[in-house]
Protein backbone atom coordinates (compact mmCIF):
# COMPACT_ATOMS: atom_id res chain seq x y z
CA MET A 1 0.00 0.00 0.00
CA ARG A 2 2.82 2.37 0.92
CA LYS A 3 4.57 1.74 -2.43
CA VAL A 4 1.38 2.49 -4.35
CA ILE A 5 0.92 5.83 -2.55
CA LEU A 6 4.55 6.79 -3.20
CA ALA A 7 4.24 5.86 -6.87
CA VAL A 8 1.05 7.93 -7.25
CA LEU A 9 2.71 10.91 -5.51
CA PHE A 10 5.78 10.58 -7.71
CA LEU A 11 3.71 10.45 -10.89
CA GLY A 12 1.61 13.38 -9.74
CA LEU A 13 4.67 15.52 -8.99
CA THR A 14 6.33 14.53 -12.26
CA PHE A 15 3.18 15.41 -14.19
CA ASN A 16 3.01 18.84 -12.48
CA PHE A 17 6.65 19.63 -13.14
CA CYS A 18 6.56 18.51 -16.76
CA TYR A 19 3.32 20.13 -17.84
CA ALA A 20 2.93 23.16 -15.57
CA GLN A 21 4.84 25.45 -17.91
CA GLU A 22 3.45 28.59 -19.50
CA GLN A 23 3.66 28.63 -23.25
CA ILE A 24 3.60 31.62 -25.59
CA ILE A 25 1.21 30.82 -28.38
CA ASP A 26 0.63 34.24 -29.96
CA TYR A 27 3.44 34.94 -32.41
CA SER A 28 1.50 37.43 -34.50
CA GLU A 29 2.65 40.97 -35.33
CA ASN A 30 0.00 42.28 -32.91
CA SER A 31 1.88 40.91 -29.90
CA LEU A 32 5.28 42.44 -30.82
CA PRO A 33 4.59 46.12 -29.92
CA ILE A 34 3.48 45.07 -26.43
CA LEU A 35 6.57 42.95 -25.98
CA ASN A 36 8.83 45.78 -27.24
CA ASN A 37 7.23 48.31 -24.85
CA GLU A 38 7.76 45.90 -21.97
CA LEU A 39 11.40 45.41 -22.93
CA ARG A 40 11.95 49.16 -23.23
CA SER A 41 10.54 49.75 -19.76
CA LYS A 42 12.72 46.95 -18.36
CA ASP A 43 15.76 48.52 -20.05
CA VAL A 44 15.04 51.81 -18.25
CA GLN A 45 14.73 49.95 -14.96
CA ILE A 46 18.03 48.14 -15.58
CA ASN A 47 19.80 51.44 -16.43
CA ASN A 48 18.41 53.03 -13.26
CA LEU A 49 19.58 50.03 -11.26
CA SER A 50 23.07 50.29 -12.77
CA GLY A 51 23.28 53.97 -11.77
CA ASN A 52 22.11 53.18 -8.25
CA LEU A 53 24.62 50.34 -7.91
CA ALA A 54 27.50 52.71 -8.70
CA SER A 55 26.63 54.94 -5.74
CA THR A 56 26.01 51.89 -3.53
CA THR A 57 29.46 50.58 -4.38
CA THR A 58 31.04 53.82 -3.12
CA VAL A 59 29.06 53.57 0.11
CA ALA A 60 30.14 49.96 0.57
CA ARG A 61 33.78 51.00 0.11
CA THR A 62 33.53 53.73 2.76
CA LYS A 63 35.21 52.67 6.02
CA TYR A 64 35.57 54.43 9.37
CA ILE A 65 38.29 54.32 12.02
CA TYR A 66 37.63 55.77 15.47
CA PHE A 67 40.16 57.08 17.99
CA VAL A 68 38.51 57.44 21.39
CA ILE A 69 40.17 59.27 24.28
CA PRO A 70 37.71 59.12 27.18
CA ASP A 71 39.81 61.31 29.53
CA ASP A 72 37.83 63.77 31.64
CA THR A 73 40.52 66.34 30.85
CA LEU A 74 42.56 66.10 27.66
CA THR A 75 46.34 66.43 27.69
CA THR A 76 48.66 67.19 24.81
CA GLY A 77 51.04 64.58 23.49
CA ALA A 78 52.15 62.42 20.58
CA ASP A 79 50.74 59.01 19.68
CA LYS A 80 47.97 59.25 22.27
CA ILE A 81 46.49 55.75 21.91
CA GLY A 82 48.82 53.70 19.73
CA ARG A 83 48.74 52.52 16.15
CA ILE A 84 45.69 51.50 14.17
CA TYR A 85 46.65 49.43 11.14
CA VAL A 86 44.57 49.20 7.96
CA ASN A 87 44.33 46.06 5.84
CA PHE A 88 43.28 47.81 2.63
CA ALA A 89 44.53 50.63 0.41
CA GLY A 90 42.54 53.82 -0.07
CA THR A 91 42.20 57.55 0.44
CA ILE A 92 41.29 59.71 3.40
CA GLN A 93 37.99 61.49 2.78
CA ALA A 94 37.47 63.42 6.03
CA VAL A 95 38.60 63.68 9.64
CA HIS A 96 35.89 64.50 12.16
CA ALA A 97 36.57 65.37 15.79
CA SER A 98 34.17 65.86 18.68
CA VAL A 99 34.35 66.37 22.43
CA LYS A 100 31.77 66.11 25.16
CA THR A 101 33.23 69.11 27.00
CA ALA A 102 34.07 72.04 24.72
CA PRO A 103 37.40 73.81 25.21
CA THR A 104 37.49 77.45 26.27
CA GLY A 105 40.19 80.07 25.82
CA ALA A 106 41.75 78.23 22.84
CA ASP A 107 40.94 75.58 20.24
CA ILE A 108 41.60 71.84 20.39
CA ILE A 109 44.02 70.87 17.60
CA VAL A 110 44.51 67.24 16.61
CA ASP A 111 47.15 65.96 14.19
CA LEU A 112 46.69 62.72 12.25
CA ASN A 113 49.81 60.75 11.37
CA LEU A 114 50.27 58.14 8.67
CA ASN A 115 53.16 55.76 9.44
CA GLY A 116 54.50 58.27 11.97
CA SER A 117 54.35 61.40 9.76
CA THR A 118 51.67 64.07 9.72
CA ILE A 119 49.22 64.08 6.82
CA TRP A 120 49.15 67.88 7.08
CA SER A 121 52.45 69.43 6.08
CA THR A 122 50.35 72.62 6.09
CA GLN A 123 49.88 72.64 9.87
CA ALA A 124 47.04 75.17 9.69
CA ASN A 125 44.93 72.40 8.09
CA ARG A 126 44.99 70.11 11.14
CA VAL A 127 41.54 69.18 12.42
CA THR A 128 40.40 71.82 14.90
CA ILE A 129 37.58 72.11 17.39
CA ALA A 130 37.07 75.82 17.97
CA ALA A 131 36.93 77.21 21.51
CA THR A 132 33.39 76.74 22.92
CA ALA A 133 32.49 74.28 20.10
CA ASN A 134 32.05 70.53 20.33
CA THR A 135 32.90 69.44 16.78
CA GLY A 136 35.33 70.05 13.95
CA ILE A 137 35.94 68.59 10.49
CA GLN A 138 38.76 68.67 7.96
CA THR A 139 38.64 67.51 4.34
CA SER A 140 41.94 68.98 3.05
CA PHE A 141 45.07 66.84 3.31
CA ASN A 142 48.62 67.05 1.99
CA THR A 143 48.84 63.25 2.13
CA ALA A 144 45.54 61.49 1.46
CA THR A 145 46.44 58.03 0.11
CA PHE A 146 47.52 55.02 2.12
CA ALA A 147 48.42 51.39 1.42
CA SER A 148 47.40 48.13 3.03
CA GLY A 149 49.56 47.59 6.11
CA ASP A 150 49.97 51.32 6.86
CA TYR A 151 49.02 52.64 10.29
CA PHE A 152 47.45 55.79 11.73
CA THR A 153 48.16 57.55 15.03
CA ILE A 154 46.95 60.82 16.50
CA ASP A 155 48.68 63.61 18.38
CA ILE A 156 46.86 66.17 20.50
CA ASP A 157 48.70 69.43 19.90
CA GLN A 158 46.40 71.83 21.78
CA ILE A 159 43.57 71.27 24.28
CA GLY A 160 42.12 74.68 25.19
CA SER A 161 43.63 77.19 27.63
CA THR A 162 41.04 78.18 30.23
CA ILE A 163 39.20 74.85 30.24
CA ALA A 164 40.60 71.83 28.41
CA GLY A 165 38.23 69.79 26.31
CA ALA A 166 37.20 66.33 27.47
CA LYS A 167 36.18 62.96 26.02
CA LEU A 168 37.60 63.27 22.50
CA VAL A 169 36.52 61.12 19.54
CA VAL A 170 38.33 61.39 16.20
CA ARG A 171 36.73 59.63 13.24
CA LEU A 172 38.55 58.98 9.98
CA LYS A 173 36.38 58.52 6.91
CA LEU A 174 38.27 56.38 4.41
CA LEU A 175 37.45 55.24 0.88
CA GLN A 176 38.80 51.78 0.06
CA SER A 177 40.43 51.51 -3.37
């Protein structure tokens, strides 16, 4: 009995798979304009998708590195938290800096180093958080490209004069090649 049921199920499934296919039976000239309009609209959709994929690819290649110095009062110094190595080549897009406590009397100035050397030979371009502000950004660099295996460090060159800033976060926005 069990073999008969299995055989019937097998034949039923085989019949459904073999004959449950849609067939196009209208090959007349009247059906071609509809088909061509459908293909044209699909072509537009595919072109739009291709354009969207290009921007998505850039987003997928964007990487971030964070340097976090949770000190209640910042202090100046070189190589504040050690080296952060990258395992891909790319370019630096932006350096963002923020503090929980804003500096007063003077700005906070942070220097970013690539393999031990500043990326800003023009020192005025270092990322700065203005006195009484909580954030700063820099998008101009003298050295912007890096290779896989390179490392980044940060120096804090200035912290404020009346009140030093506190709880610093520096974020590097990188674009992978």
